[in-house]
Structures are given as C-alpha cells and as structure tokens.
C-alpha cells in the first residue's frame, strides 16, 4: 500500500495548473495516500492551499536548489521524507535519484496536449484517468473574497462579466493592446458587460494602456495573490487572453476560455477541454508556431504577425457563442 506520493510538477504557473489533472485519478487509485507536489516558488503560491493536495515542496532552481550542489541538497531532503512513489511529470533526472518507485514520462508523439502526456504516465501503470482534467478547488472564503471585491467595485450580478488578460510572459504571444480595448468597448456598448482587466506584477503598464483606450473604465485587478486571482476569474462569464498561466487557471476553475494563439502551439498548450475556444488568424507564414521549437522568436520582429492577424470581430464572435 502506497502511503506517500511525490508529484514532480513545474515552475511555471500554467504548467503547474495543468499538472493538477493527475490528482483525481491518483486519489481514486490510492485513496489513502498522502500526495505532495514539488513546484516552483511562484506556482507554490497557487497550490499551497489547494484542498486536493496534502503538501507542497518548493523547488527553487534559481536559489537554494541551483547548480549541482543545490540539486544534491534537494535529493537528500526528498530522501528523508521517505516517499513510496515519485510521479515524474517533468522528465527530471533529479526525480530518478530519490531511490524509490519511479513513474516517468511515456515516449511518443510530442505534438499532443501536455495534459494528455501527463495522464499517460498514470495510464501506463494501470491507473484509470477517466474524466481527469486540471482542477483548482476554491474555498468558500476565497469565493466570498472575490464577491466582496466585485461588489466594492460596483458590479452587480445581472451584468455580464468578462475577464480580459492582455499580458503574457513572451512578447510574441501578445495580441495588440488596442485590439483588446476595442473588443472590450464593443462588449460594454453592445452587451452592457463589465470588464475585469487582469495584469501580472510586471504588466501594470500594459494594463493601463488598455484601460486608457477603453471608453468606460474597467475593473482593474492587480492582485499578486494567485488564489484571489483564480477566484475572481471563476466569477467571469467568459475569460479572454493570450497563452498564459491565467488562461490555464481559468480553465481549471471552469470559466469558458477564449484563447488567442499565433506563435505557440495550441495543440500542446491550449486550454484543456472542448468547452473552450482557440482563436487564430489562419495565417501561415511557415514559421508558426515557433514555440516550442529550436528558434522561438527567431524572426527578430519583436512581435508576431500571425497573432496580430486575429481580428476583433473573431473574438467578439467567439464571446457570442458563450453569452447569446
């Protein structure tokens, strides 16, 4: 009987959220197991209080776990915890050094969704993954705090609530700020929608740029608390954004996602599930998607012409499918 399971998850927020897909099938297969996630510092803020995870260990590869000495320190600490099984979703050599039963990645066609590849790790060992998907379970207090924030901002529940996140961690992923503002203006004018405008810690200037172009001021969300962010996204009727961590958070809290893709591969990293919509321009320059790949952003153009080709009308039509 396995008592302690360690899941080697990820440093980036989106990847860590996608890795939560393994929790439900592991719980069913090993109902009494203690499940620990190993994640990066930023992602740990999101998963540390996740009710479906028993514990979180922070892997800081730029701090105490940097270099071979840091990795050795991590391995020694993990050995002391006496895990029975390591589920290695990141194909990490470190995970193989802990000295316990090891479930590693399954080799095969790489042009598949990350969640599909994570679940294959379990399927290969006889674990039923039926119905498994990335999931964040919000607490009642987190949901109440989100409702309080919206009430204080003047939102009332009869109004359509649209979440928009114009940012992302790579310039080639970004749709133009002016386009986001024009889409928001149309939704406010035609649908009397309220706009929740999200921004990460380094995206305040971009957020202000979009807000300044809008005809009606949006509700600005500038929290660095990822659980509060998730709760606010969960209140939205629709979430619109680029290929980012918050996009995957939206999917994991069951908010319909309209995801804009150009330079990245939606087959590998799009929002997981058929209830979401990926919007693309239809342009093919022969270089897209360039990530993942050997030369992401190799065009040197400092923006992606493919994602720039997405029209405001395409995005509004996608919203209409969820809100008509």
C-alpha atoms as a PDB file:
ATOM      1  CA  UNK A   1       0.000   0.000   0.000  1.00  0.00           C
ATOM      2  CA  UNK A   2       1.488   3.332  -1.089  1.00  0.00           C
ATOM      3  CA  UNK A   3       1.399   5.905   1.688  1.00  0.00           C
ATOM      4  CA  UNK A   4       3.320   8.865   0.272  1.00  0.00           C
ATOM      5  CA  UNK A   5       3.335  10.065  -3.337  1.00  0.00           C
ATOM      6  CA  UNK A   6       5.501  12.875  -4.689  1.00  0.00           C
ATOM      7  CA  UNK A   7       4.451  14.559  -7.958  1.00  0.00           C
ATOM      8  CA  UNK A   8       7.282  16.353  -9.738  1.00  0.00           C
ATOM      9  CA  UNK A   9       5.362  19.329 -11.105  1.00  0.00           C
ATOM     10  CA  UNK A  10       6.626  22.576 -12.656  1.00  0.00           C
ATOM     11  CA  UNK A  11       7.942  26.079 -12.047  1.00  0.00           C
ATOM     12  CA  UNK A  12       5.717  27.955 -14.484  1.00  0.00           C
ATOM     13  CA  UNK A  13       2.188  28.647 -13.267  1.00  0.00           C
ATOM     14  CA  UNK A  14       0.400  27.295 -16.340  1.00  0.00           C
ATOM     15  CA  UNK A  15       2.350  24.033 -16.382  1.00  0.00           C
ATOM     16  CA  UNK A  16       1.737  23.539 -12.659  1.00  0.00           C
ATOM     17  CA  UNK A  17      -2.008  24.070 -13.130  1.00  0.00           C
ATOM     18  CA  UNK A  18      -2.101  21.544 -15.975  1.00  0.00           C
ATOM     19  CA  UNK A  19      -0.315  19.004 -13.778  1.00  0.00           C
ATOM     20  CA  UNK A  20      -3.241  19.034 -11.312  1.00  0.00           C
ATOM     21  CA  UNK A  21      -5.002  16.725 -13.791  1.00  0.00           C
ATOM     22  CA  UNK A  22      -3.231  13.769 -12.146  1.00  0.00           C
ATOM     23  CA  UNK A  23      -4.698  14.424  -8.688  1.00  0.00           C
ATOM     24  CA  UNK A  24      -8.168  12.970  -9.202  1.00  0.00           C
ATOM     25  CA  UNK A  25      -7.032   9.648 -10.738  1.00  0.00           C
ATOM     26  CA  UNK A  26      -4.272   9.258  -8.118  1.00  0.00           C
ATOM     27  CA  UNK A  27      -6.822   9.840  -5.349  1.00  0.00           C
ATOM     28  CA  UNK A  28      -9.136   7.191  -6.785  1.00  0.00           C
ATOM     29  CA  UNK A  29      -6.356   4.640  -7.274  1.00  0.00           C
ATOM     30  CA  UNK A  30      -4.612   5.311  -3.945  1.00  0.00           C
ATOM     31  CA  UNK A  31      -7.430   6.620  -1.717  1.00  0.00           C
ATOM     32  CA  UNK A  32      -5.368   6.770   1.477  1.00  0.00           C
ATOM     33  CA  UNK A  33      -2.176   8.205   0.015  1.00  0.00           C
ATOM     34  CA  UNK A  34      -0.593  11.490   1.083  1.00  0.00           C
ATOM     35  CA  UNK A  35       0.043  13.491  -2.125  1.00  0.00           C
ATOM     36  CA  UNK A  36       2.818  16.092  -2.258  1.00  0.00           C
ATOM     37  CA  UNK A  37       3.536  18.400  -5.211  1.00  0.00           C
ATOM     38  CA  UNK A  38       7.038  19.686  -5.957  1.00  0.00           C
ATOM     39  CA  UNK A  39       6.660  23.066  -7.693  1.00  0.00           C
ATOM     40  CA  UNK A  40       8.497  26.320  -8.332  1.00  0.00           C
ATOM     41  CA  UNK A  41       8.235  29.306  -5.940  1.00  0.00           C
ATOM     42  CA  UNK A  42       5.590  31.192  -7.924  1.00  0.00           C
ATOM     43  CA  UNK A  43       3.407  28.177  -8.586  1.00  0.00           C
ATOM     44  CA  UNK A  44       3.632  27.187  -4.921  1.00  0.00           C
ATOM     45  CA  UNK A  45       1.593  30.283  -4.029  1.00  0.00           C
ATOM     46  CA  UNK A  46      -1.262  28.862  -6.082  1.00  0.00           C
ATOM     47  CA  UNK A  47      -1.084  25.228  -4.949  1.00  0.00           C
ATOM     48  CA  UNK A  48      -0.007  25.564  -1.308  1.00  0.00           C
ATOM     49  CA  UNK A  49      -3.601  25.891  -0.078  1.00  0.00           C
ATOM     50  CA  UNK A  50      -5.205  23.722  -2.766  1.00  0.00           C
ATOM     51  CA  UNK A  51      -7.592  21.424  -0.812  1.00  0.00           C
ATOM     52  CA  UNK A  52      -6.885  18.410  -3.036  1.00  0.00           C
ATOM     53  CA  UNK A  53      -3.133  18.467  -2.355  1.00  0.00           C
ATOM     54  CA  UNK A  54      -1.779  17.392   1.040  1.00  0.00           C
ATOM     55  CA  UNK A  55       1.549  19.242   0.900  1.00  0.00           C
ATOM     56  CA  UNK A  56       3.729  21.381  -1.357  1.00  0.00           C
ATOM     57  CA  UNK A  57       7.530  21.418  -1.546  1.00  0.00           C
ATOM     58  CA  UNK A  58       9.188  24.372  -3.254  1.00  0.00           C
ATOM     59  CA  UNK A  59      11.866  23.659  -5.841  1.00  0.00           C
ATOM     60  CA  UNK A  60      13.888  26.854  -6.211  1.00  0.00           C
ATOM     61  CA  UNK A  61      16.292  26.220  -9.080  1.00  0.00           C
ATOM     62  CA  UNK A  62      17.498  29.824  -9.002  1.00  0.00           C
ATOM     63  CA  UNK A  63      18.066  29.856  -5.261  1.00  0.00           C
ATOM     64  CA  UNK A  64      18.835  27.131  -2.768  1.00  0.00           C
ATOM     65  CA  UNK A  65      18.482  24.357  -5.363  1.00  0.00           C
ATOM     66  CA  UNK A  66      20.608  25.980  -8.076  1.00  0.00           C
ATOM     67  CA  UNK A  67      23.518  24.034  -9.557  1.00  0.00           C
ATOM     68  CA  UNK A  68      24.549  20.504  -8.777  1.00  0.00           C
ATOM     69  CA  UNK A  69      25.038  21.273  -5.076  1.00  0.00           C
ATOM     70  CA  UNK A  70      21.515  22.619  -4.857  1.00  0.00           C
ATOM     71  CA  UNK A  71      20.059  19.597  -6.616  1.00  0.00           C
ATOM     72  CA  UNK A  72      22.009  17.291  -4.314  1.00  0.00           C
ATOM     73  CA  UNK A  73      20.575  19.194  -1.342  1.00  0.00           C
ATOM     74  CA  UNK A  74      17.090  18.700  -2.754  1.00  0.00           C
ATOM     75  CA  UNK A  75      17.598  14.963  -3.345  1.00  0.00           C
ATOM     76  CA  UNK A  76      18.815  14.469   0.230  1.00  0.00           C
ATOM     77  CA  UNK A  77      15.808  16.330   1.614  1.00  0.00           C
ATOM     78  CA  UNK A  78      13.378  14.309  -0.501  1.00  0.00           C
ATOM     79  CA  UNK A  79      15.015  11.048   0.550  1.00  0.00           C
ATOM     80  CA  UNK A  80      14.484  12.000   4.185  1.00  0.00           C
ATOM     81  CA  UNK A  81      10.757  12.348   3.505  1.00  0.00           C
ATOM     82  CA  UNK A  82      10.621   8.631   2.599  1.00  0.00           C
ATOM     83  CA  UNK A  83       8.214   8.765  -0.323  1.00  0.00           C
ATOM     84  CA  UNK A  84       6.894   5.498  -1.740  1.00  0.00           C
ATOM     85  CA  UNK A  85       6.377   6.734  -5.318  1.00  0.00           C
ATOM     86  CA  UNK A  86       7.585   9.595  -7.498  1.00  0.00           C
ATOM     87  CA  UNK A  87       5.342  10.634 -10.403  1.00  0.00           C
ATOM     88  CA  UNK A  88       7.804  12.442 -12.659  1.00  0.00           C
ATOM     89  CA  UNK A  89       5.850  14.763 -14.979  1.00  0.00           C
ATOM     90  CA  UNK A  90       8.822  16.953 -15.898  1.00  0.00           C
ATOM     91  CA  UNK A  91      11.079  14.095 -17.010  1.00  0.00           C
ATOM     92  CA  UNK A  92      13.576  15.193 -14.387  1.00  0.00           C
ATOM     93  CA  UNK A  93      16.799  13.312 -13.721  1.00  0.00           C
ATOM     94  CA  UNK A  94      16.617  14.531 -10.123  1.00  0.00           C
ATOM     95  CA  UNK A  95      13.395  12.578  -9.644  1.00  0.00           C
ATOM     96  CA  UNK A  96      15.205   9.379 -10.598  1.00  0.00           C
ATOM     97  CA  UNK A  97      17.821   9.916  -7.901  1.00  0.00           C
ATOM     98  CA  UNK A  98      15.461   9.743  -4.928  1.00  0.00           C
ATOM     99  CA  UNK A  99      15.710   5.973  -4.827  1.00  0.00           C
ATOM    100  CA  UNK A 100      12.031   4.994  -4.721  1.00  0.00           C
ATOM    101  CA  UNK A 101       9.497   3.641  -7.236  1.00  0.00           C
ATOM    102  CA  UNK A 102       9.511   5.960 -10.245  1.00  0.00           C
ATOM    103  CA  UNK A 103       6.810   6.630 -12.838  1.00  0.00           C
ATOM    104  CA  UNK A 104       8.330   8.568 -15.744  1.00  0.00           C
ATOM    105  CA  UNK A 105       7.077  10.162 -18.929  1.00  0.00           C
ATOM    106  CA  UNK A 106       5.908   7.986 -21.799  1.00  0.00           C
ATOM    107  CA  UNK A 107       7.801   8.483 -25.052  1.00  0.00           C
ATOM    108  CA  UNK A 108       5.724   9.140 -28.145  1.00  0.00           C
ATOM    109  CA  UNK A 109       4.391  11.794 -30.481  1.00  0.00           C
ATOM    110  CA  UNK A 110       5.232  15.153 -28.899  1.00  0.00           C
ATOM    111  CA  UNK A 111       2.561  17.173 -30.705  1.00  0.00           C
ATOM    112  CA  UNK A 112      -0.070  16.340 -28.108  1.00  0.00           C
ATOM    113  CA  UNK A 113      -1.528  18.304 -25.256  1.00  0.00           C
ATOM    114  CA  UNK A 114       0.555  18.441 -22.081  1.00  0.00           C
ATOM    115  CA  UNK A 115      -2.339  17.033 -20.044  1.00  0.00           C
ATOM    116  CA  UNK A 116      -2.592  14.048 -22.383  1.00  0.00           C
ATOM    117  CA  UNK A 117       1.093  13.310 -21.818  1.00  0.00           C
ATOM    118  CA  UNK A 118       0.793  13.708 -18.029  1.00  0.00           C
ATOM    119  CA  UNK A 119      -2.164  11.343 -17.844  1.00  0.00           C
ATOM    120  CA  UNK A 120      -0.310   8.767 -19.941  1.00  0.00           C
ATOM    121  CA  UNK A 121       2.195   8.472 -17.081  1.00  0.00           C
ATOM    122  CA  UNK A 122      -0.642   7.080 -14.964  1.00  0.00           C
ATOM    123  CA  UNK A 123      -2.394   5.124 -17.709  1.00  0.00           C
ATOM    124  CA  UNK A 124       0.776   3.153 -18.452  1.00  0.00           C
ATOM    125  CA  UNK A 125       0.698   1.919 -14.834  1.00  0.00           C
ATOM    126  CA  UNK A 126      -2.953   0.880 -14.910  1.00  0.00           C
ATOM    127  CA  UNK A 127      -4.478   3.989 -13.336  1.00  0.00           C
ATOM    128  CA  UNK A 128      -7.917   4.928 -14.652  1.00  0.00           C
ATOM    129  CA  UNK A 129      -7.869   8.571 -15.801  1.00  0.00           C
ATOM    130  CA  UNK A 130     -11.480   8.805 -16.979  1.00  0.00           C
ATOM    131  CA  UNK A 131     -12.791  12.339 -16.607  1.00  0.00           C
ATOM    132  CA  UNK A 132      -9.475  13.715 -15.360  1.00  0.00           C
ATOM    133  CA  UNK A 133      -8.713  17.345 -16.089  1.00  0.00           C
ATOM    134  CA  UNK A 134      -6.818  20.243 -14.484  1.00  0.00           C
ATOM    135  CA  UNK A 135      -8.768  21.450 -11.479  1.00  0.00           C
ATOM    136  CA  UNK A 136      -8.426  24.133  -8.819  1.00  0.00           C
ATOM    137  CA  UNK A 137     -10.862  23.808  -5.920  1.00  0.00           C
ATOM    138  CA  UNK A 138     -11.639  27.221  -4.427  1.00  0.00           C
ATOM    139  CA  UNK A 139     -12.556  27.533  -0.778  1.00  0.00           C
ATOM    140  CA  UNK A 140     -15.694  29.280   0.423  1.00  0.00           C
ATOM    141  CA  UNK A 141     -13.583  32.086   1.903  1.00  0.00           C
ATOM    142  CA  UNK A 142     -11.814  32.618  -1.430  1.00  0.00           C
ATOM    143  CA  UNK A 143     -15.109  32.796  -3.279  1.00  0.00           C
ATOM    144  CA  UNK A 144     -16.539  35.213  -0.709  1.00  0.00           C
ATOM    145  CA  UNK A 145     -13.492  37.483  -1.009  1.00  0.00           C
ATOM    146  CA  UNK A 146     -13.929  37.593  -4.786  1.00  0.00           C
ATOM    147  CA  UNK A 147     -17.600  38.530  -4.493  1.00  0.00           C
ATOM    148  CA  UNK A 148     -16.724  41.239  -1.967  1.00  0.00           C
ATOM    149  CA  UNK A 149     -14.107  42.685  -4.342  1.00  0.00           C
ATOM    150  CA  UNK A 150     -16.637  42.845  -7.175  1.00  0.00           C
ATOM    151  CA  UNK A 151     -19.349  44.379  -5.002  1.00  0.00           C
ATOM    152  CA  UNK A 152     -16.958  47.084  -3.811  1.00  0.00           C
ATOM    153  CA  UNK A 153     -16.084  47.773  -7.481  1.00  0.00           C
ATOM    154  CA  UNK A 154     -19.772  48.338  -8.234  1.00  0.00           C
ATOM    155  CA  UNK A 155     -20.515  45.163 -10.198  1.00  0.00           C
ATOM    156  CA  UNK A 156     -23.976  43.629  -9.866  1.00  0.00           C
ATOM    157  CA  UNK A 157     -24.735  40.028 -10.750  1.00  0.00           C
ATOM    158  CA  UNK A 158     -27.205  40.783 -13.535  1.00  0.00           C
ATOM    159  CA  UNK A 159     -24.415  42.251 -15.675  1.00  0.00           C
ATOM    160  CA  UNK A 160     -22.312  40.114 -17.968  1.00  0.00           C
ATOM    161  CA  UNK A 161     -18.787  39.844 -16.521  1.00  0.00           C
ATOM    162  CA  UNK A 162     -15.920  39.424 -18.994  1.00  0.00           C
ATOM    163  CA  UNK A 163     -12.355  38.769 -17.842  1.00  0.00           C
ATOM    164  CA  UNK A 164      -9.563  40.051 -20.081  1.00  0.00           C
ATOM    165  CA  UNK A 165      -5.853  39.467 -19.574  1.00  0.00           C
ATOM    166  CA  UNK A 166      -3.807  41.187 -22.317  1.00  0.00           C
ATOM    167  CA  UNK A 167      -0.429  40.133 -20.905  1.00  0.00           C
ATOM    168  CA  UNK A 168       1.905  37.168 -21.129  1.00  0.00           C
ATOM    169  CA  UNK A 169       5.493  36.232 -20.394  1.00  0.00           C
ATOM    170  CA  UNK A 170       6.692  36.495 -24.017  1.00  0.00           C
ATOM    171  CA  UNK A 171       6.146  39.370 -26.437  1.00  0.00           C
ATOM    172  CA  UNK A 172       5.458  37.016 -29.356  1.00  0.00           C
ATOM    173  CA  UNK A 173       2.381  35.673 -27.556  1.00  0.00           C
ATOM    174  CA  UNK A 174       0.681  39.045 -27.226  1.00  0.00           C
ATOM    175  CA  UNK A 175      -2.303  40.324 -29.166  1.00  0.00           C
ATOM    176  CA  UNK A 176      -2.264  44.103 -29.566  1.00  0.00           C
ATOM    177  CA  UNK A 177      -3.418  46.151 -26.547  1.00  0.00           C
ATOM    178  CA  UNK A 178      -5.566  48.321 -28.800  1.00  0.00           C
ATOM    179  CA  UNK A 179      -7.414  45.254 -30.060  1.00  0.00           C
ATOM    180  CA  UNK A 180      -8.202  44.158 -26.512  1.00  0.00           C
ATOM    181  CA  UNK A 181      -9.516  47.637 -25.757  1.00  0.00           C
ATOM    182  CA  UNK A 182     -11.676  47.678 -28.893  1.00  0.00           C
ATOM    183  CA  UNK A 183     -13.115  44.261 -28.061  1.00  0.00           C
ATOM    184  CA  UNK A 184     -13.845  45.446 -24.516  1.00  0.00           C
ATOM    185  CA  UNK A 185     -15.506  48.629 -25.797  1.00  0.00           C
ATOM    186  CA  UNK A 186     -17.786  46.612 -28.056  1.00  0.00           C
ATOM    187  CA  UNK A 187     -18.775  44.272 -25.218  1.00  0.00           C
ATOM    188  CA  UNK A 188     -19.552  47.178 -22.911  1.00  0.00           C
ATOM    189  CA  UNK A 189     -21.530  49.056 -25.576  1.00  0.00           C
ATOM    190  CA  UNK A 190     -23.462  46.157 -27.098  1.00  0.00           C
ATOM    191  CA  UNK A 191     -23.809  43.799 -24.133  1.00  0.00           C
ATOM    192  CA  UNK A 192     -23.584  46.166 -21.128  1.00  0.00           C
ATOM    193  CA  UNK A 193     -20.723  43.983 -19.948  1.00  0.00           C
ATOM    194  CA  UNK A 194     -18.443  44.777 -17.046  1.00  0.00           C
ATOM    195  CA  UNK A 195     -14.761  44.170 -17.806  1.00  0.00           C
ATOM    196  CA  UNK A 196     -12.367  42.658 -15.298  1.00  0.00           C
ATOM    197  CA  UNK A 197      -8.940  43.672 -16.602  1.00  0.00           C
ATOM    198  CA  UNK A 198      -6.190  41.438 -15.219  1.00  0.00           C
ATOM    199  CA  UNK A 199      -2.455  42.095 -15.048  1.00  0.00           C
ATOM    200  CA  UNK A 200       0.547  40.303 -13.625  1.00  0.00           C
ATOM    201  CA  UNK A 201       3.100  42.068 -11.405  1.00  0.00           C
ATOM    202  CA  UNK A 202       5.123  43.229 -14.418  1.00  0.00           C
ATOM    203  CA  UNK A 203       2.148  44.103 -16.613  1.00  0.00           C
ATOM    204  CA  UNK A 204       0.740  47.220 -14.935  1.00  0.00           C
ATOM    205  CA  UNK A 205       1.837  49.475 -17.797  1.00  0.00           C
ATOM    206  CA  UNK A 206       0.141  47.238 -20.366  1.00  0.00           C
ATOM    207  CA  UNK A 207      -2.992  47.099 -18.233  1.00  0.00           C
ATOM    208  CA  UNK A 208      -3.043  50.902 -18.008  1.00  0.00           C
ATOM    209  CA  UNK A 209      -2.557  51.152 -21.772  1.00  0.00           C
ATOM    210  CA  UNK A 210      -5.648  49.023 -22.426  1.00  0.00           C
ATOM    211  CA  UNK A 211      -7.683  50.808 -19.758  1.00  0.00           C
ATOM    212  CA  UNK A 212      -6.800  54.241 -21.172  1.00  0.00           C
ATOM    213  CA  UNK A 213      -8.079  53.286 -24.630  1.00  0.00           C
ATOM    214  CA  UNK A 214     -11.357  51.957 -23.253  1.00  0.00           C
ATOM    215  CA  UNK A 215     -14.408  54.237 -23.298  1.00  0.00           C
ATOM    216  CA  UNK A 216     -15.663  53.012 -19.920  1.00  0.00           C
ATOM    217  CA  UNK A 217     -13.165  52.309 -17.109  1.00  0.00           C
ATOM    218  CA  UNK A 218     -12.728  48.583 -16.432  1.00  0.00           C
ATOM    219  CA  UNK A 219     -12.422  46.960 -13.035  1.00  0.00           C
ATOM    220  CA  UNK A 220      -8.669  46.696 -12.553  1.00  0.00           C
ATOM    221  CA  UNK A 221      -7.302  43.528 -10.942  1.00  0.00           C
ATOM    222  CA  UNK A 222      -3.749  43.956  -9.679  1.00  0.00           C
ATOM    223  CA  UNK A 223      -3.544  41.279  -7.016  1.00  0.00           C
ATOM    224  CA  UNK A 224      -0.411  39.170  -6.710  1.00  0.00           C
ATOM    225  CA  UNK A 225      -2.343  36.558  -4.726  1.00  0.00           C
ATOM    226  CA  UNK A 226      -2.903  33.781  -7.272  1.00  0.00           C
ATOM    227  CA  UNK A 227      -5.701  32.178  -5.271  1.00  0.00           C
ATOM    228  CA  UNK A 228      -7.573  35.504  -5.244  1.00  0.00           C
ATOM    229  CA  UNK A 229      -6.885  35.807  -8.965  1.00  0.00           C
ATOM    230  CA  UNK A 230      -8.336  32.333  -9.545  1.00  0.00           C
ATOM    231  CA  UNK A 231     -11.431  33.186  -7.508  1.00  0.00           C
ATOM    232  CA  UNK A 232     -12.015  36.374  -9.498  1.00  0.00           C
ATOM    233  CA  UNK A 233     -11.578  34.537 -12.808  1.00  0.00           C
ATOM    234  CA  UNK A 234     -14.103  31.937 -11.618  1.00  0.00           C
ATOM    235  CA  UNK A 235     -16.775  34.652 -11.380  1.00  0.00           C
ATOM    236  CA  UNK A 236     -16.395  35.622 -15.054  1.00  0.00           C
ATOM    237  CA  UNK A 237     -18.879  34.502 -17.692  1.00  0.00           C
ATOM    238  CA  UNK A 238     -16.002  34.362 -20.207  1.00  0.00           C
ATOM    239  CA  UNK A 239     -12.238  34.818 -19.988  1.00  0.00           C
ATOM    240  CA  UNK A 240     -10.273  36.240 -22.952  1.00  0.00           C
ATOM    241  CA  UNK A 241      -6.486  36.134 -23.094  1.00  0.00           C
ATOM    242  CA  UNK A 242      -3.222  35.028 -24.620  1.00  0.00           C
ATOM    243  CA  UNK A 243      -1.326  31.793 -23.987  1.00  0.00           C
ATOM    244  CA  UNK A 244      -0.540  32.366 -20.293  1.00  0.00           C
ATOM    245  CA  UNK A 245      -0.789  30.831 -16.832  1.00  0.00           C
ATOM    246  CA  UNK A 246      -4.046  32.675 -16.031  1.00  0.00           C
ATOM    247  CA  UNK A 247      -5.557  31.127 -19.169  1.00  0.00           C
ATOM    248  CA  UNK A 248      -4.999  27.689 -17.628  1.00  0.00           C
ATOM    249  CA  UNK A 249      -6.254  28.926 -14.255  1.00  0.00           C
ATOM    250  CA  UNK A 250      -9.479  29.992 -15.985  1.00  0.00           C
ATOM    251  CA  UNK A 251      -9.913  26.540 -17.471  1.00  0.00           C
ATOM    252  CA  UNK A 252      -9.188  24.910 -14.104  1.00  0.00           C
ATOM    253  CA  UNK A 253     -11.968  26.913 -12.377  1.00  0.00           C
ATOM    254  CA  UNK A 254     -14.487  26.092 -15.150  1.00  0.00           C
ATOM    255  CA  UNK A 255     -14.648  29.523 -16.762  1.00  0.00           C
ATOM    256  CA  UNK A 256     -15.081  29.327 -20.569  1.00  0.00           C
ATOM    257  CA  UNK A 257     -11.844  30.451 -22.207  1.00  0.00           C
ATOM    258  CA  UNK A 258     -11.283  32.289 -25.473  1.00  0.00           C
ATOM    259  CA  UNK A 259      -7.559  31.847 -26.061  1.00  0.00           C
ATOM    260  CA  UNK A 260      -5.615  33.741 -28.733  1.00  0.00           C
ATOM    261  CA  UNK A 261      -2.786  31.769 -30.337  1.00  0.00           C
ATOM    262  CA  UNK A 262      -0.213  32.538 -33.010  1.00  0.00           C
ATOM    263  CA  UNK A 263       3.403  31.849 -32.113  1.00  0.00           C
ATOM    264  CA  UNK A 264       2.729  28.959 -29.738  1.00  0.00           C
ATOM    265  CA  UNK A 265       1.241  25.534 -30.375  1.00  0.00           C
ATOM    266  CA  UNK A 266      -2.354  25.299 -29.157  1.00  0.00           C
ATOM    267  CA  UNK A 267      -2.309  21.516 -29.637  1.00  0.00           C
ATOM    268  CA  UNK A 268       0.283  21.288 -26.862  1.00  0.00           C
ATOM    269  CA  UNK A 269      -0.603  24.188 -24.586  1.00  0.00           C
ATOM    270  CA  UNK A 270      -4.108  25.395 -25.385  1.00  0.00           C
ATOM    271  CA  UNK A 271      -6.873  25.485 -22.766  1.00  0.00           C
ATOM    272  CA  UNK A 272      -7.746  21.880 -21.952  1.00  0.00           C
ATOM    273  CA  UNK A 273     -11.252  20.724 -22.754  1.00  0.00           C
ATOM    274  CA  UNK A 274     -13.818  21.014 -25.525  1.00  0.00           C
ATOM    275  CA  UNK A 275     -15.735  23.798 -23.768  1.00  0.00           C
ATOM    276  CA  UNK A 276     -13.027  26.333 -24.645  1.00  0.00           C
ATOM    277  CA  UNK A 277     -12.267  28.172 -27.905  1.00  0.00           C
ATOM    278  CA  UNK A 278      -8.899  28.799 -29.532  1.00  0.00           C
ATOM    279  CA  UNK A 279      -8.888  31.793 -31.895  1.00  0.00           C
ATOM    280  CA  UNK A 280      -6.265  32.014 -34.634  1.00  0.00           C
ATOM    281  CA  UNK A 281      -5.837  34.278 -37.618  1.00  0.00           C
ATOM    282  CA  UNK A 282      -5.486  31.499 -40.168  1.00  0.00           C
ATOM    283  CA  UNK A 283      -2.221  32.979 -41.429  1.00  0.00           C
ATOM    284  CA  UNK A 284       0.619  30.575 -42.123  1.00  0.00           C
ATOM    285  CA  UNK A 285       3.993  32.205 -42.646  1.00  0.00           C
ATOM    286  CA  UNK A 286       5.854  28.920 -42.465  1.00  0.00           C
ATOM    287  CA  UNK A 287       7.351  29.833 -39.100  1.00  0.00           C
ATOM    288  CA  UNK A 288       4.337  29.413 -36.875  1.00  0.00           C
ATOM    289  CA  UNK A 289       4.071  28.025 -34.351  1.00  0.00           C
ATOM    290  CA  UNK A 290       7.683  28.776 -33.481  1.00  0.00           C
ATOM    291  CA  UNK A 291       7.353  27.691 -29.847  1.00  0.00           C
ATOM    292  CA  UNK A 292       8.200  25.087 -28.815  1.00  0.00           C
ATOM    293  CA  UNK A 293      10.997  24.831 -31.335  1.00  0.00           C
ATOM    294  CA  UNK A 294      14.672  25.434 -31.925  1.00  0.00           C
ATOM    295  CA  UNK A 295      14.401  29.153 -32.640  1.00  0.00           C
ATOM    296  CA  UNK A 296      11.364  30.638 -30.865  1.00  0.00           C
ATOM    297  CA  UNK A 297      11.025  34.252 -31.933  1.00  0.00           C
ATOM    298  CA  UNK A 298      13.780  33.698 -34.468  1.00  0.00           C
ATOM    299  CA  UNK A 299      12.203  36.182 -36.875  1.00  0.00           C
ATOM    300  CA  UNK A 300      13.506  39.001 -34.673  1.00  0.00           C
ATOM    301  CA  UNK A 301      10.425  41.076 -35.456  1.00  0.00           C
ATOM    302  CA  UNK A 302       9.669  41.673 -31.743  1.00  0.00           C
ATOM    303  CA  UNK A 303       6.011  40.821 -32.352  1.00  0.00           C
ATOM    304  CA  UNK A 304       4.108  38.015 -34.044  1.00  0.00           C
ATOM    305  CA  UNK A 305       2.412  38.873 -37.321  1.00  0.00           C
ATOM    306  CA  UNK A 306       0.331  35.702 -37.083  1.00  0.00           C
ATOM    307  CA  UNK A 307      -1.360  36.621 -33.797  1.00  0.00           C
ATOM    308  CA  UNK A 308      -1.648  40.234 -34.984  1.00  0.00           C
ATOM    309  CA  UNK A 309      -3.841  38.927 -37.801  1.00  0.00           C
ATOM    310  CA  UNK A 310      -6.607  37.917 -35.370  1.00  0.00           C
ATOM    311  CA  UNK A 311      -9.476  40.383 -35.729  1.00  0.00           C
ATOM    312  CA  UNK A 312     -11.629  41.963 -33.040  1.00  0.00           C
ATOM    313  CA  UNK A 313     -14.637  40.528 -34.887  1.00  0.00           C
ATOM    314  CA  UNK A 314     -13.303  36.983 -34.459  1.00  0.00           C
ATOM    315  CA  UNK A 315     -13.012  37.452 -30.724  1.00  0.00           C
ATOM    316  CA  UNK A 316     -16.483  39.020 -30.411  1.00  0.00           C
ATOM    317  CA  UNK A 317     -17.991  36.165 -32.394  1.00  0.00           C
ATOM    318  CA  UNK A 318     -16.379  33.686 -30.012  1.00  0.00           C
ATOM    319  CA  UNK A 319     -17.813  35.550 -26.995  1.00  0.00           C
ATOM    320  CA  UNK A 320     -21.255  35.479 -28.609  1.00  0.00           C
ATOM    321  CA  UNK A 321     -21.215  31.677 -28.669  1.00  0.00           C
ATOM    322  CA  UNK A 322     -20.998  31.623 -24.870  1.00  0.00           C
ATOM    323  CA  UNK A 323     -23.275  34.518 -23.996  1.00  0.00           C
ATOM    324  CA  UNK A 324     -26.074  34.592 -26.582  1.00  0.00           C
END
